[in-house]
Amino acid sequence: MNTDPLVSVVVIFYNPGRFFSMALDSVLSQTYTHWELLLVDDGSQDGSSELAQVYAARHPEKIRYCQHPGGVNRGMSATRNLGLAQAQGELVALLDADDLWLPNKLAEQVGILRANPESVALFGRSKIWHSWDSTSPQADWLNLGNLRADRQLSPPEMLLHWLRDESFQPCTSEFIARTDILRAVGGWDESFKGLYEDNVLYTRLFTQFPVYAASNTWSLYRQHPDNCCHQAMASGEWALGKPSPAKERILLWIQRYLDDNSLNDPAVTRALRAALLPFRNPALYQARQLPRRVANKLRYSLVK
């Protein structure tokens, strides 16, 4: 009998296009072999539903295809929750349909979680991947900023890093967690159909449980004009490092969540109040930003 924990790999997809098969092949290429792959269709209409069913037919012992009743589109959170409900593994790992995993991803993550049984989840530094497109002028870089890694983070440390703009949140494709804990916290909030749906789950975990941050890179986060973040930027819904409607929505959700669950950590309260300042008092926010802008301008002029 295999004593390795079964990992349920959840790939949700909605019209993922040409990158889909590459993502699925990166799961098939894992050195860790005790996994099941759940292909969760969010109402795709680009032929990817048929492709997913072909993969499931080729590997019926490993891959399952599922969709919402009637094949409707319900958004990212509801589709992740469907995958979570279908998962049979002790662990759940997520992979976006346009990203790639490196071959040792599951093997190394399972090993780290075994060595750190108190941690309910694990993530590393995803490569923000521009170089797949040889014409891209942008260089690849690693997310999570200067977060001190290779250690267990106690709650609510990771949430504080994000609220203070000290670190990006973990990329979805870097993330793995214990299935029972994901279910216990309620999974994803289905009112978040797209952007920041991951922050909902992260908030539920990071305020209550220890998680492990690794310095490893296990995924390639493909940058292209059709991904969720780029579409949100094009629509004005989101902007990197600036006040935006989507950012305000998740901050207000976090505030309600903390209040509803009596999670009254003073440091989180202060950080959340500061994060909401641009939306509640834009003039005061701009005044506070002025010294930073002047300092940056001076520094850049000295570099020149």
Protein backbone atom coordinates (compact mmCIF):
# COMPACT_ATOMS: atom_id res chain seq x y z
CA MET A 1 0.00 0.00 0.00
CA ASN A 2 1.26 3.48 -0.90
CA THR A 3 1.93 5.41 2.31
CA ASP A 4 2.53 8.71 0.52
CA PRO A 5 -0.36 11.16 1.00
CA LEU A 6 -2.66 11.47 -1.98
CA VAL A 7 -2.52 14.97 -3.45
CA SER A 8 -5.65 16.27 -5.18
CA VAL A 9 -4.50 18.64 -7.91
CA VAL A 10 -7.28 21.11 -8.75
CA VAL A 11 -7.12 22.87 -12.13
CA ILE A 12 -10.07 25.14 -12.81
CA PHE A 13 -10.47 26.46 -16.34
CA TYR A 14 -12.56 28.84 -18.38
CA ASN A 15 -11.50 29.21 -22.03
CA PRO A 16 -7.79 28.74 -21.16
CA GLY A 17 -6.68 28.54 -24.79
CA ARG A 18 -3.32 27.34 -26.05
CA PHE A 19 -1.55 27.00 -22.70
CA PHE A 20 -3.94 24.44 -21.19
CA SER A 21 -2.28 21.25 -22.40
CA MET A 22 1.13 22.49 -21.24
CA ALA A 23 -0.23 23.03 -17.74
CA LEU A 24 -1.73 19.53 -17.65
CA ASP A 25 1.46 17.95 -18.99
CA SER A 26 3.42 19.60 -16.15
CA VAL A 27 1.26 17.62 -13.70
CA LEU A 28 1.84 14.39 -15.63
CA SER A 29 5.59 15.10 -15.45
CA GLN A 30 5.74 15.24 -11.64
CA THR A 31 8.32 13.05 -9.95
CA TYR A 32 5.79 12.51 -7.15
CA THR A 33 3.23 10.10 -8.55
CA HIS A 34 0.56 9.71 -5.85
CA TRP A 35 -1.84 12.36 -7.12
CA GLU A 36 -5.26 12.73 -8.68
CA LEU A 37 -6.01 15.52 -11.13
CA LEU A 38 -9.41 17.24 -11.04
CA LEU A 39 -10.17 19.23 -14.19
CA VAL A 40 -12.96 21.58 -13.14
CA ASP A 41 -14.75 23.24 -16.05
CA ASP A 42 -16.28 26.69 -15.45
CA GLY A 43 -18.38 26.66 -18.61
CA SER A 44 -15.64 26.82 -21.23
CA GLN A 45 -16.59 27.31 -24.87
CA ASP A 46 -13.22 27.24 -26.62
CA GLY A 47 -12.75 23.47 -27.00
CA SER A 48 -10.91 23.06 -23.70
CA SER A 49 -13.80 21.03 -22.24
CA GLU A 50 -13.29 18.42 -24.92
CA LEU A 51 -9.51 18.48 -24.36
CA ALA A 52 -9.99 17.96 -20.62
CA GLN A 53 -12.23 14.98 -21.31
CA VAL A 54 -9.60 13.51 -23.63
CA TYR A 55 -7.00 13.70 -20.82
CA ALA A 56 -9.48 12.09 -18.41
CA ALA A 57 -10.21 9.29 -20.87
CA ARG A 58 -6.49 8.62 -21.39
CA HIS A 59 -5.78 8.46 -17.64
CA PRO A 60 -9.05 7.33 -15.99
CA GLU A 61 -7.25 6.09 -12.88
CA LYS A 62 -5.63 9.52 -12.30
CA ILE A 63 -7.71 12.27 -13.93
CA ARG A 64 -11.35 13.26 -13.46
CA TYR A 65 -13.38 15.87 -15.32
CA CYS A 66 -16.20 17.75 -13.60
CA GLN A 67 -18.35 20.79 -14.21
CA HIS A 68 -21.18 22.78 -12.66
CA PRO A 69 -24.72 21.47 -13.26
CA GLY A 70 -25.76 22.49 -16.75
CA GLY A 71 -22.17 23.41 -17.63
CA VAL A 72 -22.73 27.00 -16.53
CA ASN A 73 -20.08 29.61 -15.75
CA ARG A 74 -20.03 30.47 -12.03
CA GLY A 75 -16.65 32.13 -11.53
CA MET A 76 -13.33 31.14 -10.02
CA SER A 77 -14.34 30.78 -6.37
CA ALA A 78 -17.36 28.55 -6.98
CA THR A 79 -15.29 26.44 -9.36
CA ARG A 80 -12.46 26.01 -6.85
CA ASN A 81 -15.05 25.03 -4.24
CA LEU A 82 -16.38 22.38 -6.62
CA GLY A 83 -12.86 21.00 -6.96
CA LEU A 84 -12.41 21.04 -3.18
CA ALA A 85 -15.70 19.15 -2.73
CA GLN A 86 -14.55 16.50 -5.23
CA ALA A 87 -11.05 16.10 -3.76
CA GLN A 88 -10.23 12.71 -2.25
CA GLY A 89 -6.66 13.52 -1.23
CA GLU A 90 -5.17 14.46 2.10
CA LEU A 91 -3.65 17.51 0.42
CA VAL A 92 -4.96 19.92 -2.22
CA ALA A 93 -2.61 21.63 -4.67
CA LEU A 94 -3.74 24.31 -7.10
CA LEU A 95 -2.54 24.98 -10.63
CA ASP A 96 -3.83 27.73 -12.88
CA ALA A 97 -4.62 26.56 -16.41
CA ASP A 98 -2.01 28.81 -18.05
CA ASP A 99 0.85 28.19 -15.60
CA LEU A 100 3.43 25.42 -15.30
CA TRP A 101 4.77 23.34 -12.44
CA LEU A 102 8.40 22.31 -12.24
CA PRO A 103 8.80 18.49 -12.04
CA ASN A 104 9.83 18.36 -8.36
CA LYS A 105 6.97 20.55 -7.12
CA LEU A 106 4.81 17.97 -5.39
CA ALA A 107 7.68 15.79 -4.14
CA GLU A 108 9.41 18.67 -2.37
CA GLN A 109 6.23 20.24 -1.02
CA VAL A 110 4.96 16.97 0.43
CA GLY A 111 8.35 16.47 2.07
CA ILE A 112 8.30 19.91 3.68
CA LEU A 113 4.77 19.46 5.01
CA ARG A 114 5.74 16.09 6.47
CA ALA A 115 8.65 17.76 8.26
CA ASN A 116 6.40 20.57 9.52
CA PRO A 117 3.17 18.90 10.65
CA GLU A 118 1.88 22.04 12.40
CA SER A 119 1.80 23.99 9.14
CA VAL A 120 -1.56 23.71 7.40
CA ALA A 121 -0.31 25.11 4.08
CA LEU A 122 2.87 25.75 2.15
CA PHE A 123 3.96 28.08 -0.63
CA GLY A 124 7.16 29.16 -2.35
CA ARG A 125 8.34 31.97 -4.61
CA SER A 126 6.70 31.69 -8.01
CA LYS A 127 8.61 32.96 -11.03
CA ILE A 128 6.69 35.79 -12.69
CA TRP A 129 7.32 34.44 -16.15
CA HIS A 130 7.72 36.86 -19.06
CA SER A 131 10.52 35.04 -20.88
CA TRP A 132 8.22 32.32 -22.31
CA ASP A 133 7.55 35.06 -24.89
CA SER A 134 10.87 35.89 -26.52
CA THR A 135 9.51 39.28 -27.64
CA SER A 136 8.62 40.44 -24.11
CA PRO A 137 10.72 43.41 -22.95
CA GLN A 138 10.18 42.52 -19.28
CA ALA A 139 12.46 40.36 -17.19
CA ASP A 140 11.33 37.45 -15.03
CA TRP A 141 11.22 38.01 -11.29
CA LEU A 142 10.25 36.15 -8.11
CA ASN A 143 7.23 37.16 -6.06
CA LEU A 144 6.98 37.45 -2.24
CA GLY A 145 9.54 40.28 -2.16
CA ASN A 146 11.91 40.23 0.81
CA LEU A 147 9.84 37.88 2.94
CA ARG A 148 12.16 35.85 5.19
CA ALA A 149 11.49 32.31 4.04
CA ASP A 150 12.20 28.67 4.94
CA ARG A 151 10.28 28.94 8.18
CA GLN A 152 6.84 28.57 9.67
CA LEU A 153 4.83 31.78 9.92
CA SER A 154 2.48 32.17 12.87
CA PRO A 155 -0.86 33.93 12.37
CA PRO A 156 -1.36 36.66 11.32
CA GLU A 157 2.18 37.37 10.04
CA MET A 158 1.60 36.70 6.34
CA LEU A 159 -1.58 38.80 6.29
CA LEU A 160 0.32 41.67 7.88
CA HIS A 161 3.05 41.49 5.24
CA TRP A 162 0.43 41.83 2.51
CA LEU A 163 -1.58 44.60 4.17
CA ARG A 164 1.63 46.61 4.65
CA ASP A 165 2.70 46.09 1.02
CA GLU A 166 5.79 44.26 2.24
CA SER A 167 5.06 41.16 0.16
CA PHE A 168 2.81 39.86 -2.58
CA GLN A 169 0.43 37.09 -1.68
CA PRO A 170 1.48 33.57 -2.76
CA CYS A 171 0.73 32.69 -6.36
CA THR A 172 -2.05 30.12 -6.64
CA SER A 173 0.14 27.64 -8.49
CA GLU A 174 2.68 27.63 -5.64
CA PHE A 175 0.07 26.73 -3.02
CA ILE A 176 -0.65 23.40 -1.34
CA ALA A 177 -2.73 22.85 1.81
CA ARG A 178 -4.32 20.21 4.02
CA THR A 179 -7.75 19.34 2.64
CA ASP A 180 -9.54 19.14 5.98
CA ILE A 181 -8.42 22.65 6.93
CA LEU A 182 -9.53 24.13 3.60
CA ARG A 183 -12.96 22.63 4.17
CA ALA A 184 -13.05 23.71 7.81
CA VAL A 185 -12.49 27.38 6.94
CA GLY A 186 -15.15 27.27 4.22
CA GLY A 187 -12.99 27.35 1.10
CA TRP A 188 -13.51 30.35 -1.18
CA ASP A 189 -16.16 33.10 -0.99
CA GLU A 190 -18.26 32.66 -4.12
CA SER A 191 -19.10 36.37 -4.32
CA PHE A 192 -15.51 36.81 -5.55
CA LYS A 193 -15.79 35.50 -9.09
CA GLY A 194 -12.36 36.66 -10.27
CA LEU A 195 -9.70 38.97 -8.86
CA TYR A 196 -8.65 38.55 -5.19
CA GLU A 197 -10.53 35.29 -4.71
CA ASP A 198 -7.25 33.82 -3.48
CA ASN A 199 -6.94 36.52 -0.79
CA VAL A 200 -10.22 35.38 0.71
CA LEU A 201 -8.87 31.90 1.36
CA TYR A 202 -5.47 33.21 2.44
CA THR A 203 -7.10 35.55 4.98
CA ARG A 204 -9.10 32.67 6.43
CA LEU A 205 -5.92 30.61 6.80
CA PHE A 206 -3.36 33.27 7.74
CA THR A 207 -5.45 34.66 10.62
CA GLN A 208 -5.92 31.28 12.29
CA PHE A 209 -3.19 28.78 11.41
CA PRO A 210 0.58 28.52 10.97
CA VAL A 211 1.74 28.24 7.36
CA TYR A 212 5.15 27.51 5.88
CA ALA A 213 6.94 29.92 3.53
CA ALA A 214 9.71 28.37 1.41
CA SER A 215 12.40 30.02 -0.69
CA ASN A 216 11.97 27.36 -3.42
CA THR A 217 10.45 28.15 -6.80
CA TRP A 218 8.06 25.44 -7.99
CA SER A 219 5.89 27.22 -10.56
CA LEU A 220 6.07 29.51 -13.57
CA TYR A 221 3.37 32.19 -13.50
CA ARG A 222 2.85 32.96 -17.16
CA GLN A 223 2.29 36.63 -18.02
CA HIS A 224 0.09 37.29 -21.04
CA PRO A 225 -2.65 39.77 -22.03
CA ASP A 226 -5.51 37.33 -21.45
CA ASN A 227 -4.79 36.39 -17.85
CA CYS A 228 -7.00 37.60 -15.01
CA CYS A 229 -4.72 40.37 -13.73
CA HIS A 230 -4.00 41.85 -17.14
CA GLN A 231 -7.69 41.93 -18.02
CA ALA A 232 -8.46 43.65 -14.71
CA MET A 233 -5.76 46.24 -15.37
CA ALA A 234 -7.11 46.88 -18.87
CA SER A 235 -10.61 47.45 -17.48
CA GLY A 236 -9.42 49.77 -14.69
CA GLU A 237 -10.60 47.33 -12.02
CA TRP A 238 -7.09 46.85 -10.65
CA ALA A 239 -3.70 48.54 -10.71
CA LEU A 240 -0.46 47.25 -9.24
CA GLY A 241 0.45 49.18 -6.10
CA LYS A 242 -2.33 51.76 -6.53
CA PRO A 243 -5.85 52.26 -5.12
CA SER A 244 -8.38 50.37 -7.24
CA PRO A 245 -11.99 49.14 -6.90
CA ALA A 246 -10.93 45.50 -6.62
CA LYS A 247 -8.42 46.29 -3.86
CA GLU A 248 -11.02 48.24 -1.90
CA ARG A 249 -13.47 45.32 -2.19
CA ILE A 250 -11.07 42.78 -0.71
CA LEU A 251 -9.98 45.14 2.07
CA LEU A 252 -13.60 45.72 3.09
CA TRP A 253 -14.22 41.96 2.96
CA ILE A 254 -11.24 41.41 5.29
CA GLN A 255 -12.56 44.04 7.66
CA ARG A 256 -15.98 42.34 7.83
CA TYR A 257 -14.39 38.93 8.24
CA LEU A 258 -12.24 40.07 11.15
CA ASP A 259 -15.22 41.74 12.83
CA ASP A 260 -17.56 38.79 12.28
CA ASN A 261 -15.03 36.35 13.74
CA SER A 262 -13.82 38.60 16.60
CA LEU A 263 -10.26 38.49 15.28
CA ASN A 264 -9.15 41.69 16.94
CA ASP A 265 -5.38 41.74 16.49
CA PRO A 266 -4.18 45.35 17.07
CA ALA A 267 -1.40 45.12 14.47
CA VAL A 268 -3.82 43.87 11.81
CA THR A 269 -6.33 46.58 12.71
CA ARG A 270 -3.67 49.28 12.25
CA ALA A 271 -2.40 47.79 9.00
CA LEU A 272 -5.92 47.45 7.60
CA ARG A 273 -6.76 51.03 8.56
CA ALA A 274 -3.64 52.24 6.74
CA ALA A 275 -4.45 50.10 3.68
CA LEU A 276 -7.97 51.62 3.53
CA LEU A 277 -6.70 55.20 3.85
CA PRO A 278 -6.46 55.85 0.07
CA PHE A 279 -10.18 55.01 -0.26
CA ARG A 280 -11.43 56.83 2.83
CA ASN A 281 -9.25 59.94 2.69
CA PRO A 282 -7.48 60.29 -0.68
CA ALA A 283 -6.10 63.76 0.11
CA LEU A 284 -4.46 62.62 3.34
CA TYR A 285 -3.10 59.55 1.55
CA GLN A 286 -1.52 61.70 -1.17
CA ALA A 287 0.02 64.00 1.46
CA ARG A 288 1.58 61.03 3.24
CA GLN A 289 2.98 59.73 -0.06
CA LEU A 290 4.71 63.03 -0.93
CA PRO A 291 7.85 62.54 1.23
CA ARG A 292 8.34 59.08 -0.29
CA ARG A 293 8.02 60.43 -3.83
CA VAL A 294 10.50 63.25 -3.10
CA ALA A 295 12.96 60.78 -1.59
CA ASN A 296 12.65 58.44 -4.58
CA LYS A 297 13.14 61.29 -7.03
CA LEU A 298 16.27 62.43 -5.17
CA ARG A 299 17.66 58.91 -5.03
CA TYR A 300 17.11 58.33 -8.75
CA SER A 301 18.77 61.66 -9.59
CA LEU A 302 21.80 60.69 -7.52
CA VAL A 303 22.02 57.35 -9.29
CA LYS A 304 22.08 59.16 -12.66
